[in-house]
Structures are given as C-alpha cells and as structure tokens.
Amino acid sequence: MRVAFHKDGVCTHVLNCAEGWEDLFPDEAGVASDTANVGDIWDETGFHSPAPPAPTSADLLAYAADKRWLVETGGIVVSGESIRTDEKSQAKITGALQLLAADQTITGIDWEAQPGVWVTLDAITMKNIGVAVGRHVQACFSTLKSVQEEITSGAITTYAEIDNAAWPANS
C-alpha cells in the first residue's frame, strides 16, 4: 500500500509499505493514499495540492508586457473593415503614409486588406487607417504604463486584474 507521511500538515514523503507499517514508523504520522504527493496539504480528511504561489511583481510585469503585445498586434476594425496591426503591417501603413505625403501625384495605394483581398485606398482612407492604428498602438502602451504603475504600487496583484484593465478592443 502507498503511505503518505505528513508533518505539520504537509506531506513529507511517500513510501510503498506492507501491512503493519505503523510498527516500523511509530514516530511518524502517515495515511494510506493513492494520490498524495510530497508537498500536498493534509487537512485531516485528505491530501490536497497546495495553492499556487502568488505571482511576483516580475511575473506580473512580464505578463502585462505580453498582454500589451497581444492586444497591440491583434488587429482593429476601421470603418467596418478588419485591419491587421502586427508590427509588419504597422510598418507598411507608416510607409504608405510617408509615400503619400512625399508624392502628391499618387492617387491610390494598392493594399492587401486580408490575404488575397486587394483594395485601392485613397490618401484620406489610408490616413484614417494610419491614425486609427496609431491610436490603437498608443492606447495599448498607455494601458501598459498604467498597469505597470499599479503593479509597482501593489494595486494589481493578479493576472486577472491585468486582463481586466482597460485594454483597447481588437477586431
């Protein structure tokens, strides 16, 4: 039989023992258990896994940075159209806006809105997309800054609180 030994409410070791094991370990508290593991908590009715440790500030800051990146690059909707906001798309949108600003003779930008779906965008539409993407990216960083400040001050202590921050919407 499998016996879990515990001290001060914590499983210290588990052994396979024969009947009469109590006589071999008279100074130890043990309970037959098929599921207990070292570190589990004994509550006089059974063994339970301990609660996971609370995340550290470093854990929370890393999670918040990842959350910002996921939201930033998750896309947005502009005038009913889905716009990609990954870093490559952001760079291409910036390049298209610079081209339109530098060369007033260009009347349209051919743009792959979604894989295999082509549109020609005029300067005003391209600018509206650029402004919307820029605002989205800025909102992501502003939210991250606020979340980081709250983590540092101790106001945010869980991953759920980071998820529930005022992140901008994705498409």
C-alpha atoms as a PDB file:
ATOM      1  CA  MET A   1       0.000   0.000   0.000  1.00  0.00           C
ATOM      2  CA  ARG A   2       1.100   3.546  -0.626  1.00  0.00           C
ATOM      3  CA  VAL A   3       1.521   5.596   2.562  1.00  0.00           C
ATOM      4  CA  ALA A   4       1.868   9.382   2.677  1.00  0.00           C
ATOM      5  CA  PHE A   5       3.709  10.666   5.731  1.00  0.00           C
ATOM      6  CA  HIS A   6       2.990  14.172   6.960  1.00  0.00           C
ATOM      7  CA  LYS A   7       4.365  16.626   9.451  1.00  0.00           C
ATOM      8  CA  ASP A   8       2.754  19.920  10.420  1.00  0.00           C
ATOM      9  CA  GLY A   9       0.044  19.306   7.819  1.00  0.00           C
ATOM     10  CA  VAL A  10       2.387  18.790   4.857  1.00  0.00           C
ATOM     11  CA  CYS A  11       3.241  15.517   3.102  1.00  0.00           C
ATOM     12  CA  THR A  12       6.966  14.963   3.624  1.00  0.00           C
ATOM     13  CA  HIS A  13       7.432  11.648   1.811  1.00  0.00           C
ATOM     14  CA  VAL A  14       5.521   8.753   0.275  1.00  0.00           C
ATOM     15  CA  LEU A  15       6.515   5.080   0.598  1.00  0.00           C
ATOM     16  CA  ASN A  16       5.150   1.766  -0.591  1.00  0.00           C
ATOM     17  CA  CYS A  17       4.612  -0.183   2.629  1.00  0.00           C
ATOM     18  CA  ALA A  18       3.247  -3.535   3.720  1.00  0.00           C
ATOM     19  CA  GLU A  19       0.567  -4.037   6.354  1.00  0.00           C
ATOM     20  CA  GLY A  20       1.856  -3.148   9.802  1.00  0.00           C
ATOM     21  CA  TRP A  21       3.860  -0.175   8.562  1.00  0.00           C
ATOM     22  CA  GLU A  22       2.784   1.739  11.667  1.00  0.00           C
ATOM     23  CA  ASP A  23       5.052  -0.507  13.767  1.00  0.00           C
ATOM     24  CA  LEU A  24       8.042   0.378  11.557  1.00  0.00           C
ATOM     25  CA  PHE A  25       7.416   4.136  11.785  1.00  0.00           C
ATOM     26  CA  PRO A  26       5.945   4.684  15.282  1.00  0.00           C
ATOM     27  CA  ASP A  27       7.066   8.333  15.481  1.00  0.00           C
ATOM     28  CA  GLU A  28       5.640   9.360  12.118  1.00  0.00           C
ATOM     29  CA  ALA A  29       2.108  10.282  11.094  1.00  0.00           C
ATOM     30  CA  GLY A  30       1.054   8.514   7.931  1.00  0.00           C
ATOM     31  CA  VAL A  31      -2.087   7.815   5.946  1.00  0.00           C
ATOM     32  CA  ALA A  32      -2.778   5.330   3.167  1.00  0.00           C
ATOM     33  CA  SER A  33      -3.174   7.373  -0.005  1.00  0.00           C
ATOM     34  CA  ASP A  34      -3.091   6.536  -3.691  1.00  0.00           C
ATOM     35  CA  THR A  35      -2.913  10.201  -4.699  1.00  0.00           C
ATOM     36  CA  ALA A  36      -0.818  12.178  -2.187  1.00  0.00           C
ATOM     37  CA  ASN A  37       2.449  13.753  -3.320  1.00  0.00           C
ATOM     38  CA  VAL A  38       5.270  15.404  -1.412  1.00  0.00           C
ATOM     39  CA  GLY A  39       4.231  18.960  -0.575  1.00  0.00           C
ATOM     40  CA  ASP A  40       0.484  18.242  -0.557  1.00  0.00           C
ATOM     41  CA  ILE A  41      -1.522  19.603   2.355  1.00  0.00           C
ATOM     42  CA  TRP A  42      -3.140  17.223   4.888  1.00  0.00           C
ATOM     43  CA  ASP A  43      -6.401  18.576   6.360  1.00  0.00           C
ATOM     44  CA  GLU A  44      -7.368  15.548   8.495  1.00  0.00           C
ATOM     45  CA  THR A  45      -9.763  14.351   5.751  1.00  0.00           C
ATOM     46  CA  GLY A  46      -7.402  14.031   2.812  1.00  0.00           C
ATOM     47  CA  PHE A  47      -4.456  15.445   0.907  1.00  0.00           C
ATOM     48  CA  HIS A  48      -4.852  18.445  -1.390  1.00  0.00           C
ATOM     49  CA  SER A  49      -2.419  20.212  -3.679  1.00  0.00           C
ATOM     50  CA  PRO A  50      -1.249  23.487  -2.170  1.00  0.00           C
ATOM     51  CA  ALA A  51      -2.461  26.710  -3.693  1.00  0.00           C
ATOM     52  CA  PRO A  52      -0.092  28.003  -6.357  1.00  0.00           C
ATOM     53  CA  PRO A  53       2.155  30.791  -5.125  1.00  0.00           C
ATOM     54  CA  ALA A  54       1.039  34.330  -5.808  1.00  0.00           C
ATOM     55  CA  PRO A  55       2.747  35.819  -8.849  1.00  0.00           C
ATOM     56  CA  THR A  56       5.690  38.093  -8.155  1.00  0.00           C
ATOM     57  CA  SER A  57       5.865  41.658  -9.419  1.00  0.00           C
ATOM     58  CA  ALA A  58       8.304  40.447 -12.078  1.00  0.00           C
ATOM     59  CA  ASP A  59       5.792  37.763 -13.160  1.00  0.00           C
ATOM     60  CA  LEU A  60       3.014  40.354 -13.371  1.00  0.00           C
ATOM     61  CA  LEU A  61       5.149  42.863 -15.280  1.00  0.00           C
ATOM     62  CA  ALA A  62       6.133  40.204 -17.829  1.00  0.00           C
ATOM     63  CA  TYR A  63       2.520  39.098 -18.203  1.00  0.00           C
ATOM     64  CA  ALA A  64       1.382  42.701 -18.709  1.00  0.00           C
ATOM     65  CA  ALA A  65       4.026  43.253 -21.400  1.00  0.00           C
ATOM     66  CA  ASP A  66       2.859  40.103 -23.202  1.00  0.00           C
ATOM     67  CA  LYS A  67      -0.772  41.215 -22.882  1.00  0.00           C
ATOM     68  CA  ARG A  68       0.103  44.587 -24.429  1.00  0.00           C
ATOM     69  CA  TRP A  69       1.797  42.911 -27.372  1.00  0.00           C
ATOM     70  CA  LEU A  70      -1.123  40.525 -27.939  1.00  0.00           C
ATOM     71  CA  VAL A  71      -3.675  43.343 -27.902  1.00  0.00           C
ATOM     72  CA  GLU A  72      -1.492  45.664 -29.997  1.00  0.00           C
ATOM     73  CA  THR A  73      -0.947  43.087 -32.730  1.00  0.00           C
ATOM     74  CA  GLY A  74      -4.451  41.595 -32.578  1.00  0.00           C
ATOM     75  CA  GLY A  75      -5.976  43.877 -35.224  1.00  0.00           C
ATOM     76  CA  ILE A  76      -8.708  46.506 -35.187  1.00  0.00           C
ATOM     77  CA  VAL A  77     -11.792  47.460 -37.193  1.00  0.00           C
ATOM     78  CA  VAL A  78     -11.779  50.740 -39.130  1.00  0.00           C
ATOM     79  CA  SER A  79     -14.995  51.779 -40.904  1.00  0.00           C
ATOM     80  CA  GLY A  80     -16.252  48.212 -40.706  1.00  0.00           C
ATOM     81  CA  GLU A  81     -13.087  46.689 -42.173  1.00  0.00           C
ATOM     82  CA  SER A  82     -10.623  44.477 -40.311  1.00  0.00           C
ATOM     83  CA  ILE A  83      -7.130  45.986 -40.245  1.00  0.00           C
ATOM     84  CA  ARG A  84      -4.069  43.986 -39.266  1.00  0.00           C
ATOM     85  CA  THR A  85      -1.920  45.651 -36.596  1.00  0.00           C
ATOM     86  CA  ASP A  86       1.044  43.299 -36.362  1.00  0.00           C
ATOM     87  CA  GLU A  87       4.442  45.012 -36.497  1.00  0.00           C
ATOM     88  CA  LYS A  88       4.900  44.365 -40.230  1.00  0.00           C
ATOM     89  CA  SER A  89       1.503  45.876 -41.025  1.00  0.00           C
ATOM     90  CA  GLN A  90       2.229  48.892 -38.833  1.00  0.00           C
ATOM     91  CA  ALA A  91       5.474  49.478 -40.741  1.00  0.00           C
ATOM     92  CA  LYS A  92       3.752  49.124 -44.117  1.00  0.00           C
ATOM     93  CA  ILE A  93       0.995  51.536 -43.115  1.00  0.00           C
ATOM     94  CA  THR A  94       3.615  54.064 -41.983  1.00  0.00           C
ATOM     95  CA  GLY A  95       5.497  53.598 -45.257  1.00  0.00           C
ATOM     96  CA  ALA A  96       2.347  54.115 -47.323  1.00  0.00           C
ATOM     97  CA  LEU A  97       1.546  57.312 -45.402  1.00  0.00           C
ATOM     98  CA  GLN A  98       5.092  58.614 -45.921  1.00  0.00           C
ATOM     99  CA  LEU A  99       4.854  57.847 -49.627  1.00  0.00           C
ATOM    100  CA  LEU A 100       1.525  59.665 -49.951  1.00  0.00           C
ATOM    101  CA  ALA A 101       2.917  62.673 -48.063  1.00  0.00           C
ATOM    102  CA  ALA A 102       6.098  62.787 -50.184  1.00  0.00           C
ATOM    103  CA  ASP A 103       4.484  62.251 -53.598  1.00  0.00           C
ATOM    104  CA  GLN A 104       1.250  64.163 -54.133  1.00  0.00           C
ATOM    105  CA  THR A 105       0.827  62.636 -57.612  1.00  0.00           C
ATOM    106  CA  ILE A 106      -0.085  59.234 -56.166  1.00  0.00           C
ATOM    107  CA  THR A 107      -3.873  58.881 -56.121  1.00  0.00           C
ATOM    108  CA  GLY A 108      -4.179  55.439 -54.652  1.00  0.00           C
ATOM    109  CA  ILE A 109      -2.315  52.753 -52.732  1.00  0.00           C
ATOM    110  CA  ASP A 110      -2.880  49.117 -53.669  1.00  0.00           C
ATOM    111  CA  TRP A 111      -3.335  47.304 -50.378  1.00  0.00           C
ATOM    112  CA  GLU A 112      -3.852  43.658 -49.440  1.00  0.00           C
ATOM    113  CA  ALA A 113      -6.564  44.127 -46.831  1.00  0.00           C
ATOM    114  CA  GLN A 114      -6.650  40.430 -45.980  1.00  0.00           C
ATOM    115  CA  PRO A 115      -4.700  37.599 -47.608  1.00  0.00           C
ATOM    116  CA  GLY A 116      -5.793  37.569 -51.259  1.00  0.00           C
ATOM    117  CA  VAL A 117      -8.190  40.511 -50.881  1.00  0.00           C
ATOM    118  CA  TRP A 118      -6.913  43.633 -52.682  1.00  0.00           C
ATOM    119  CA  VAL A 119      -8.250  47.166 -52.422  1.00  0.00           C
ATOM    120  CA  THR A 120      -7.058  50.536 -53.683  1.00  0.00           C
ATOM    121  CA  LEU A 121      -7.025  53.125 -50.908  1.00  0.00           C
ATOM    122  CA  ASP A 122      -7.074  56.864 -51.461  1.00  0.00           C
ATOM    123  CA  ALA A 123      -4.947  59.180 -49.332  1.00  0.00           C
ATOM    124  CA  ILE A 124      -7.758  60.088 -46.922  1.00  0.00           C
ATOM    125  CA  THR A 125      -8.681  56.447 -46.281  1.00  0.00           C
ATOM    126  CA  MET A 126      -5.030  55.490 -45.827  1.00  0.00           C
ATOM    127  CA  LYS A 127      -4.575  58.378 -43.386  1.00  0.00           C
ATOM    128  CA  ASN A 128      -7.688  57.312 -41.434  1.00  0.00           C
ATOM    129  CA  ILE A 129      -6.310  53.790 -41.172  1.00  0.00           C
ATOM    130  CA  GLY A 130      -2.916  55.105 -40.062  1.00  0.00           C
ATOM    131  CA  VAL A 131      -4.455  57.338 -37.408  1.00  0.00           C
ATOM    132  CA  ALA A 132      -6.673  54.517 -36.119  1.00  0.00           C
ATOM    133  CA  VAL A 133      -3.736  52.089 -35.934  1.00  0.00           C
ATOM    134  CA  GLY A 134      -1.545  54.727 -34.270  1.00  0.00           C
ATOM    135  CA  ARG A 135      -4.238  55.471 -31.689  1.00  0.00           C
ATOM    136  CA  HIS A 136      -4.684  51.756 -31.045  1.00  0.00           C
ATOM    137  CA  VAL A 137      -0.952  51.236 -30.504  1.00  0.00           C
ATOM    138  CA  GLN A 138      -0.732  54.313 -28.270  1.00  0.00           C
ATOM    139  CA  ALA A 139      -3.735  53.134 -26.234  1.00  0.00           C
ATOM    140  CA  CYS A 140      -2.008  49.775 -25.715  1.00  0.00           C
ATOM    141  CA  PHE A 141       1.136  51.458 -24.396  1.00  0.00           C
ATOM    142  CA  SER A 142      -0.850  53.893 -22.235  1.00  0.00           C
ATOM    143  CA  THR A 143      -2.743  50.986 -20.689  1.00  0.00           C
ATOM    144  CA  LEU A 144       0.511  49.084 -20.133  1.00  0.00           C
ATOM    145  CA  LYS A 145       2.030  52.128 -18.399  1.00  0.00           C
ATOM    146  CA  SER A 146      -0.977  52.375 -16.093  1.00  0.00           C
ATOM    147  CA  VAL A 147      -0.947  48.634 -15.370  1.00  0.00           C
ATOM    148  CA  GLN A 148       2.804  48.695 -14.626  1.00  0.00           C
ATOM    149  CA  GLU A 149       2.306  51.588 -12.204  1.00  0.00           C
ATOM    150  CA  GLU A 150      -0.483  49.684 -10.449  1.00  0.00           C
ATOM    151  CA  ILE A 151       1.674  46.546 -10.228  1.00  0.00           C
ATOM    152  CA  THR A 152       4.534  48.568  -8.758  1.00  0.00           C
ATOM    153  CA  SER A 153       2.228  50.227  -6.218  1.00  0.00           C
ATOM    154  CA  GLY A 154       0.693  46.888  -5.230  1.00  0.00           C
ATOM    155  CA  ALA A 155      -2.790  47.745  -6.534  1.00  0.00           C
ATOM    156  CA  ILE A 156      -2.619  44.928  -9.114  1.00  0.00           C
ATOM    157  CA  THR A 157      -1.616  41.546  -7.718  1.00  0.00           C
ATOM    158  CA  THR A 158      -3.198  39.006 -10.094  1.00  0.00           C
ATOM    159  CA  TYR A 159      -3.175  38.067 -13.766  1.00  0.00           C
ATOM    160  CA  ALA A 160      -6.962  38.518 -13.870  1.00  0.00           C
ATOM    161  CA  GLU A 161      -6.611  42.150 -12.813  1.00  0.00           C
ATOM    162  CA  ILE A 162      -4.225  42.698 -15.722  1.00  0.00           C
ATOM    163  CA  ASP A 163      -6.664  41.038 -18.124  1.00  0.00           C
ATOM    164  CA  ASN A 164      -9.472  43.245 -16.784  1.00  0.00           C
ATOM    165  CA  ALA A 165      -7.563  46.514 -17.332  1.00  0.00           C
ATOM    166  CA  ALA A 166      -8.929  48.976 -19.884  1.00  0.00           C
ATOM    167  CA  TRP A 167      -7.177  47.461 -22.913  1.00  0.00           C
ATOM    168  CA  PRO A 168      -8.351  48.733 -26.313  1.00  0.00           C
ATOM    169  CA  ALA A 169     -10.620  46.436 -28.313  1.00  0.00           C
ATOM    170  CA  ASN A 170      -9.461  44.161 -31.101  1.00  0.00           C
ATOM    171  CA  SER A 171     -11.398  43.177 -34.178  1.00  0.00           C
END
